[in-house]
PDB file of N, CA and C in Angstrom:
ATOM      1  N   MET A   1      -0.680  25.902  -2.572  1.00  0.00           N
ATOM      2  CA  MET A   1      -0.110  25.393  -3.802  1.00  0.00           C
ATOM      3  C   MET A   1      -1.215  25.340  -4.857  1.00  0.00           C
ATOM      4  N   GLY A   2      -0.831  25.577  -6.068  1.00  0.00           N
ATOM      5  CA  GLY A   2      -1.812  25.531  -7.148  1.00  0.00           C
ATOM      6  C   GLY A   2      -1.948  24.136  -7.726  1.00  0.00           C
ATOM      7  N   HIS A   3      -3.112  23.864  -8.232  1.00  0.00           N
ATOM      8  CA  HIS A   3      -3.378  22.569  -8.874  1.00  0.00           C
ATOM      9  C   HIS A   3      -3.838  22.835 -10.290  1.00  0.00           C
ATOM     10  N   TRP A   4      -3.702  21.841 -11.107  1.00  0.00           N
ATOM     11  CA  TRP A   4      -4.211  21.953 -12.463  1.00  0.00           C
ATOM     12  C   TRP A   4      -5.720  21.822 -12.451  1.00  0.00           C
ATOM     13  N   GLY A   5      -6.211  20.906 -11.631  1.00  0.00           N
ATOM     14  CA  GLY A   5      -7.649  20.661 -11.587  1.00  0.00           C
ATOM     15  C   GLY A   5      -8.323  21.467 -10.499  1.00  0.00           C
ATOM     16  N   ASN A   6      -9.612  21.599 -10.601  1.00  0.00           N
ATOM     17  CA  ASN A   6     -10.412  22.260  -9.594  1.00  0.00           C
ATOM     18  C   ASN A   6     -11.255  21.168  -8.932  1.00  0.00           C
ATOM     19  N   TYR A   7     -10.875  20.752  -7.745  1.00  0.00           N
ATOM     20  CA  TYR A   7     -11.489  19.599  -7.109  1.00  0.00           C
ATOM     21  C   TYR A   7     -12.524  20.009  -6.073  1.00  0.00           C
ATOM     22  N   SER A   8     -13.642  19.319  -6.072  1.00  0.00           N
ATOM     23  CA  SER A   8     -14.649  19.556  -5.047  1.00  0.00           C
ATOM     24  C   SER A   8     -14.332  18.714  -3.814  1.00  0.00           C
ATOM     25  N   ALA A   9     -13.483  17.713  -3.975  1.00  0.00           N
ATOM     26  CA  ALA A   9     -13.085  16.848  -2.862  1.00  0.00           C
ATOM     27  C   ALA A   9     -11.834  17.417  -2.196  1.00  0.00           C
ATOM     28  N   ARG A  10     -11.714  17.212  -0.904  1.00  0.00           N
ATOM     29  CA  ARG A  10     -10.542  17.702  -0.179  1.00  0.00           C
ATOM     30  C   ARG A  10      -9.364  16.751  -0.302  1.00  0.00           C
ATOM     31  N   TYR A  11      -9.624  15.473  -0.480  1.00  0.00           N
ATOM     32  CA  TYR A  11      -8.574  14.458  -0.511  1.00  0.00           C
ATOM     33  C   TYR A  11      -8.478  13.841  -1.899  1.00  0.00           C
ATOM     34  N   VAL A  12      -7.242  13.591  -2.341  1.00  0.00           N
ATOM     35  CA  VAL A  12      -7.027  12.925  -3.624  1.00  0.00           C
ATOM     36  C   VAL A  12      -5.978  11.830  -3.441  1.00  0.00           C
ATOM     37  N   GLY A  13      -6.175  10.756  -4.165  1.00  0.00           N
ATOM     38  CA  GLY A  13      -5.246   9.638  -4.115  1.00  0.00           C
ATOM     39  C   GLY A  13      -4.695   9.344  -5.494  1.00  0.00           C
ATOM     40  N   ASP A  14      -3.675   8.511  -5.536  1.00  0.00           N
ATOM     41  CA  ASP A  14      -3.056   8.081  -6.789  1.00  0.00           C
ATOM     42  C   ASP A  14      -3.705   6.765  -7.196  1.00  0.00           C
ATOM     43  N   ALA A  15      -4.435   6.769  -8.308  1.00  0.00           N
ATOM     44  CA  ALA A  15      -5.154   5.581  -8.764  1.00  0.00           C
ATOM     45  C   ALA A  15      -4.290   4.642  -9.597  1.00  0.00           C
ATOM     46  N   ASN A  16      -3.003   4.965  -9.787  1.00  0.00           N
ATOM     47  CA  ASN A  16      -2.106   4.106 -10.554  1.00  0.00           C
ATOM     48  C   ASN A  16      -1.867   2.821  -9.764  1.00  0.00           C
ATOM     49  N   PRO A  17      -2.231   1.651 -10.312  1.00  0.00           N
ATOM     50  CA  PRO A  17      -2.076   0.397  -9.576  1.00  0.00           C
ATOM     51  C   PRO A  17      -0.623  -0.023  -9.362  1.00  0.00           C
ATOM     52  N   ASN A  18       0.315   0.608 -10.059  1.00  0.00           N
ATOM     53  CA  ASN A  18       1.734   0.257  -9.943  1.00  0.00           C
ATOM     54  C   ASN A  18       2.483   1.098  -8.918  1.00  0.00           C
ATOM     55  N   ARG A  19       1.779   1.986  -8.221  1.00  0.00           N
ATOM     56  CA  ARG A  19       2.409   2.838  -7.219  1.00  0.00           C
ATOM     57  C   ARG A  19       1.743   2.616  -5.871  1.00  0.00           C
ATOM     58  N   LYS A  20       2.416   3.089  -4.807  1.00  0.00           N
ATOM     59  CA  LYS A  20       1.822   3.025  -3.479  1.00  0.00           C
ATOM     60  C   LYS A  20       0.550   3.848  -3.464  1.00  0.00           C
ATOM     61  N   ARG A  21      -0.419   3.390  -2.732  1.00  0.00           N
ATOM     62  CA  ARG A  21      -1.720   4.062  -2.681  1.00  0.00           C
ATOM     63  C   ARG A  21      -1.727   5.072  -1.538  1.00  0.00           C
ATOM     64  N   HIS A  22      -1.291   6.285  -1.846  1.00  0.00           N
ATOM     65  CA  HIS A  22      -1.278   7.369  -0.864  1.00  0.00           C
ATOM     66  C   HIS A  22      -2.428   8.325  -1.139  1.00  0.00           C
ATOM     67  N   VAL A  23      -2.986   8.852  -0.061  1.00  0.00           N
ATOM     68  CA  VAL A  23      -4.001   9.890  -0.177  1.00  0.00           C
ATOM     69  C   VAL A  23      -3.378  11.190   0.315  1.00  0.00           C
ATOM     70  N   HIS A  24      -3.719  12.299  -0.347  1.00  0.00           N
ATOM     71  CA  HIS A  24      -3.168  13.608  -0.027  1.00  0.00           C
ATOM     72  C   HIS A  24      -4.281  14.552   0.395  1.00  0.00           C
ATOM     73  N   ASP A  25      -3.960  15.429   1.337  1.00  0.00           N
ATOM     74  CA  ASP A  25      -4.890  16.438   1.840  1.00  0.00           C
ATOM     75  C   ASP A  25      -4.618  17.747   1.101  1.00  0.00           C
ATOM     76  N   LEU A  26      -5.520  18.152   0.225  1.00  0.00           N
ATOM     77  CA  LEU A  26      -5.304  19.360  -0.574  1.00  0.00           C
ATOM     78  C   LEU A  26      -5.288  20.623   0.281  1.00  0.00           C
ATOM     79  N   ALA A  27      -5.880  20.570   1.462  1.00  0.00           N
ATOM     80  CA  ALA A  27      -5.886  21.730   2.356  1.00  0.00           C
ATOM     81  C   ALA A  27      -4.549  21.886   3.080  1.00  0.00           C
ATOM     82  N   ASN A  28      -3.690  20.876   3.027  1.00  0.00           N
ATOM     83  CA  ASN A  28      -2.409  20.904   3.725  1.00  0.00           C
ATOM     84  C   ASN A  28      -1.273  20.434   2.810  1.00  0.00           C
ATOM     85  N   GLU A  29      -1.421  20.639   1.520  1.00  0.00           N
ATOM     86  CA  GLU A  29      -0.445  20.170   0.533  1.00  0.00           C
ATOM     87  C   GLU A  29       0.937  20.769   0.772  1.00  0.00           C
ATOM     88  N   LYS A  30       1.956  19.946   0.619  1.00  0.00           N
ATOM     89  CA  LYS A  30       3.354  20.364   0.741  1.00  0.00           C
ATOM     90  C   LYS A  30       4.056  20.176  -0.610  1.00  0.00           C
ATOM     91  N   ARG A  31       5.185  20.839  -0.780  1.00  0.00           N
ATOM     92  CA  ARG A  31       5.942  20.701  -2.032  1.00  0.00           C
ATOM     93  C   ARG A  31       6.393  19.262  -2.272  1.00  0.00           C
ATOM     94  N   SER A  32       6.599  18.511  -1.214  1.00  0.00           N
ATOM     95  CA  SER A  32       7.072  17.128  -1.330  1.00  0.00           C
ATOM     96  C   SER A  32       5.982  16.156  -1.778  1.00  0.00           C
ATOM     97  N   CYS A  33       4.728  16.565  -1.710  1.00  0.00           N
ATOM     98  CA  CYS A  33       3.634  15.706  -2.157  1.00  0.00           C
ATOM     99  C   CYS A  33       3.726  15.519  -3.673  1.00  0.00           C
ATOM    100  N   SER A  34       3.247  14.400  -4.142  1.00  0.00           N
ATOM    101  CA  SER A  34       3.340  14.088  -5.576  1.00  0.00           C
ATOM    102  C   SER A  34       2.046  14.400  -6.324  1.00  0.00           C
ATOM    103  N   ILE A  35       1.296  15.361  -5.846  1.00  0.00           N
ATOM    104  CA  ILE A  35      -0.011  15.649  -6.442  1.00  0.00           C
ATOM    105  C   ILE A  35       0.117  16.090  -7.900  1.00  0.00           C
ATOM    106  N   HIS A  36       1.103  16.909  -8.210  1.00  0.00           N
ATOM    107  CA  HIS A  36       1.257  17.367  -9.595  1.00  0.00           C
ATOM    108  C   HIS A  36       1.567  16.208 -10.533  1.00  0.00           C
ATOM    109  N   GLY A  37       2.364  15.246 -10.076  1.00  0.00           N
ATOM    110  CA  GLY A  37       2.657  14.065 -10.883  1.00  0.00           C
ATOM    111  C   GLY A  37       1.423  13.203 -11.095  1.00  0.00           C
ATOM    112  N   ILE A  38       0.604  13.108 -10.080  1.00  0.00           N
ATOM    113  CA  ILE A  38      -0.630  12.331 -10.188  1.00  0.00           C
ATOM    114  C   ILE A  38      -1.567  13.009 -11.182  1.00  0.00           C
ATOM    115  N   GLU A  39      -1.657  14.342 -11.103  1.00  0.00           N
ATOM    116  CA  GLU A  39      -2.495  15.097 -12.045  1.00  0.00           C
ATOM    117  C   GLU A  39      -1.975  14.936 -13.475  1.00  0.00           C
ATOM    118  N   TRP A  40      -0.670  15.069 -13.638  1.00  0.00           N
ATOM    119  CA  TRP A  40      -0.069  14.972 -14.962  1.00  0.00           C
ATOM    120  C   TRP A  40      -0.379  13.627 -15.608  1.00  0.00           C
ATOM    121  N   ALA A  41      -0.329  12.555 -14.820  1.00  0.00           N
ATOM    122  CA  ALA A  41      -0.582  11.207 -15.326  1.00  0.00           C
ATOM    123  C   ALA A  41      -2.075  10.877 -15.377  1.00  0.00           C
ATOM    124  N   LYS A  42      -2.916  11.816 -14.952  1.00  0.00           N
ATOM    125  CA  LYS A  42      -4.371  11.629 -14.948  1.00  0.00           C
ATOM    126  C   LYS A  42      -4.787  10.435 -14.091  1.00  0.00           C
ATOM    127  N   ASN A  43      -4.161  10.319 -12.927  1.00  0.00           N
ATOM    128  CA  ASN A  43      -4.452   9.219 -12.004  1.00  0.00           C
ATOM    129  C   ASN A  43      -5.115   9.700 -10.720  1.00  0.00           C
ATOM    130  N   ILE A  44      -5.881  10.776 -10.787  1.00  0.00           N
ATOM    131  CA  ILE A  44      -6.524  11.337  -9.599  1.00  0.00           C
ATOM    132  C   ILE A  44      -7.728  10.490  -9.185  1.00  0.00           C
ATOM    133  N   ALA A  45      -7.757  10.141  -7.915  1.00  0.00           N
ATOM    134  CA  ALA A  45      -8.915   9.466  -7.303  1.00  0.00           C
ATOM    135  C   ALA A  45      -9.407  10.389  -6.188  1.00  0.00           C
ATOM    136  N   PRO A  46     -10.502  11.131  -6.399  1.00  0.00           N
ATOM    137  CA  PRO A  46     -10.981  12.080  -5.385  1.00  0.00           C
ATOM    138  C   PRO A  46     -11.773  11.395  -4.274  1.00  0.00           C
ATOM    139  N   PHE A  47     -11.623  11.909  -3.061  1.00  0.00           N
ATOM    140  CA  PHE A  47     -12.355  11.403  -1.895  1.00  0.00           C
ATOM    141  C   PHE A  47     -12.879  12.588  -1.091  1.00  0.00           C
ATOM    142  N   GLN A  48     -14.106  12.502  -0.617  1.00  0.00           N
ATOM    143  CA  GLN A  48     -14.684  13.569   0.204  1.00  0.00           C
ATOM    144  C   GLN A  48     -14.107  13.564   1.615  1.00  0.00           C
ATOM    145  N   THR A  49     -13.793  12.363   2.133  1.00  0.00           N
ATOM    146  CA  THR A  49     -13.245  12.241   3.486  1.00  0.00           C
ATOM    147  C   THR A  49     -12.031  11.337   3.470  1.00  0.00           C
ATOM    148  N   LYS A  50     -11.182  11.507   4.472  1.00  0.00           N
ATOM    149  CA  LYS A  50     -10.012  10.632   4.563  1.00  0.00           C
ATOM    150  C   LYS A  50     -10.434   9.213   4.923  1.00  0.00           C
ATOM    151  N   GLU A  51     -11.529   9.081   5.671  1.00  0.00           N
ATOM    152  CA  GLU A  51     -12.027   7.743   6.027  1.00  0.00           C
ATOM    153  C   GLU A  51     -12.454   6.972   4.773  1.00  0.00           C
ATOM    154  N   GLU A  52     -13.040   7.668   3.824  1.00  0.00           N
ATOM    155  CA  GLU A  52     -13.423   7.043   2.552  1.00  0.00           C
ATOM    156  C   GLU A  52     -12.179   6.533   1.822  1.00  0.00           C
ATOM    157  N   ALA A  53     -11.111   7.319   1.839  1.00  0.00           N
ATOM    158  CA  ALA A  53      -9.859   6.914   1.200  1.00  0.00           C
ATOM    159  C   ALA A  53      -9.245   5.713   1.913  1.00  0.00           C
ATOM    160  N   TYR A  54      -9.242   5.744   3.249  1.00  0.00           N
ATOM    161  CA  TYR A  54      -8.688   4.626   4.017  1.00  0.00           C
ATOM    162  C   TYR A  54      -9.464   3.346   3.749  1.00  0.00           C
ATOM    163  N   ALA A  55     -10.782   3.457   3.657  1.00  0.00           N
ATOM    164  CA  ALA A  55     -11.620   2.280   3.381  1.00  0.00           C
ATOM    165  C   ALA A  55     -11.348   1.705   1.990  1.00  0.00           C
ATOM    166  N   SER A  56     -10.836   2.558   1.083  1.00  0.00           N
ATOM    167  CA  SER A  56     -10.497   2.110  -0.271  1.00  0.00           C
ATOM    168  C   SER A  56      -9.069   1.596  -0.372  1.00  0.00           C
ATOM    169  N   GLY A  57      -8.361   1.529   0.757  1.00  0.00           N
ATOM    170  CA  GLY A  57      -7.014   0.970   0.774  1.00  0.00           C
ATOM    171  C   GLY A  57      -5.882   1.971   0.663  1.00  0.00           C
ATOM    172  N   TYR A  58      -6.170   3.256   0.809  1.00  0.00           N
ATOM    173  CA  TYR A  58      -5.136   4.284   0.732  1.00  0.00           C
ATOM    174  C   TYR A  58      -4.541   4.563   2.107  1.00  0.00           C
ATOM    175  N   LYS A  59      -3.249   4.940   2.120  1.00  0.00           N
ATOM    176  CA  LYS A  59      -2.548   5.332   3.342  1.00  0.00           C
ATOM    177  C   LYS A  59      -2.299   6.837   3.286  1.00  0.00           C
ATOM    178  N   PRO A  60      -2.231   7.502   4.437  1.00  0.00           N
ATOM    179  CA  PRO A  60      -1.983   8.941   4.425  1.00  0.00           C
ATOM    180  C   PRO A  60      -0.555   9.275   3.975  1.00  0.00           C
ATOM    181  N   CYS A  61      -0.436  10.376   3.274  1.00  0.00           N
ATOM    182  CA  CYS A  61       0.867  10.880   2.824  1.00  0.00           C
ATOM    183  C   CYS A  61       1.663  11.376   4.038  1.00  0.00           C
ATOM    184  N   ILE A  62       2.910  11.027   4.111  1.00  0.00           N
ATOM    185  CA  ILE A  62       3.768  11.425   5.233  1.00  0.00           C
ATOM    186  C   ILE A  62       4.015  12.933   5.257  1.00  0.00           C
ATOM    187  N   PHE A  63       3.891  13.606   4.125  1.00  0.00           N
ATOM    188  CA  PHE A  63       4.189  15.035   4.054  1.00  0.00           C
ATOM    189  C   PHE A  63       2.989  15.916   4.414  1.00  0.00           C
ATOM    190  N   CYS A  64       1.830  15.629   3.862  1.00  0.00           N
ATOM    191  CA  CYS A  64       0.674  16.489   4.115  1.00  0.00           C
ATOM    192  C   CYS A  64      -0.240  15.962   5.214  1.00  0.00           C
ATOM    193  N   MET A  65      -0.032  14.721   5.658  1.00  0.00           N
ATOM    194  CA  MET A  65      -0.839  14.137   6.729  1.00  0.00           C
ATOM    195  C   MET A  65       0.057  13.392   7.720  1.00  0.00           C
ATOM    196  N   PRO A  66       1.132  14.028   8.218  1.00  0.00           N
ATOM    197  CA  PRO A  66       2.144  13.333   9.012  1.00  0.00           C
ATOM    198  C   PRO A  66       1.664  12.796  10.364  1.00  0.00           C
ATOM    199  N   TYR A  67       0.606  13.350  10.911  1.00  0.00           N
ATOM    200  CA  TYR A  67       0.156  12.925  12.237  1.00  0.00           C
ATOM    201  C   TYR A  67      -0.944  11.870  12.183  1.00  0.00           C
ATOM    202  N   GLU A  68      -1.314  11.461  10.997  1.00  0.00           N
ATOM    203  CA  GLU A  68      -2.311  10.394  10.840  1.00  0.00           C
ATOM    204  C   GLU A  68      -1.649   9.042  11.093  1.00  0.00           C
ATOM    205  N   PRO A  69      -2.335   8.157  11.798  1.00  0.00           N
ATOM    206  CA  PRO A  69      -1.782   6.809  11.981  1.00  0.00           C
ATOM    207  C   PRO A  69      -1.559   6.125  10.644  1.00  0.00           C
ATOM    208  N   GLY A  70      -0.413   5.512  10.492  1.00  0.00           N
ATOM    209  CA  GLY A  70      -0.086   4.784   9.265  1.00  0.00           C
ATOM    210  C   GLY A  70       0.492   5.632   8.160  1.00  0.00           C
ATOM    211  N   ALA A  71       0.796   6.912   8.455  1.00  0.00           N
ATOM    212  CA  ALA A  71       1.367   7.780   7.415  1.00  0.00           C
ATOM    213  C   ALA A  71       2.663   7.171   6.904  1.00  0.00           C
ATOM    214  N   ASP A  72       2.778   7.168   5.597  1.00  0.00           N
ATOM    215  CA  ASP A  72       3.884   6.475   4.938  1.00  0.00           C
ATOM    216  C   ASP A  72       4.432   7.337   3.826  1.00  0.00           C
TER     217      ASP A  72
END
């Protein structure tokens, strides 16, 4: 899938405080992921590792990270 941005990080999260804090795997992005909406709203929070995202309070996306514990 194409992105608007060119990210050096593999994982991106939604930094909007009014939405659920999901992290997405750009290497396994699915059409159901909301990455384009996050980009459009300029709410991208990049992470080098999924562990870094989890430590920041993010949960894995059910679509691009379905086998991760806690995927929502």
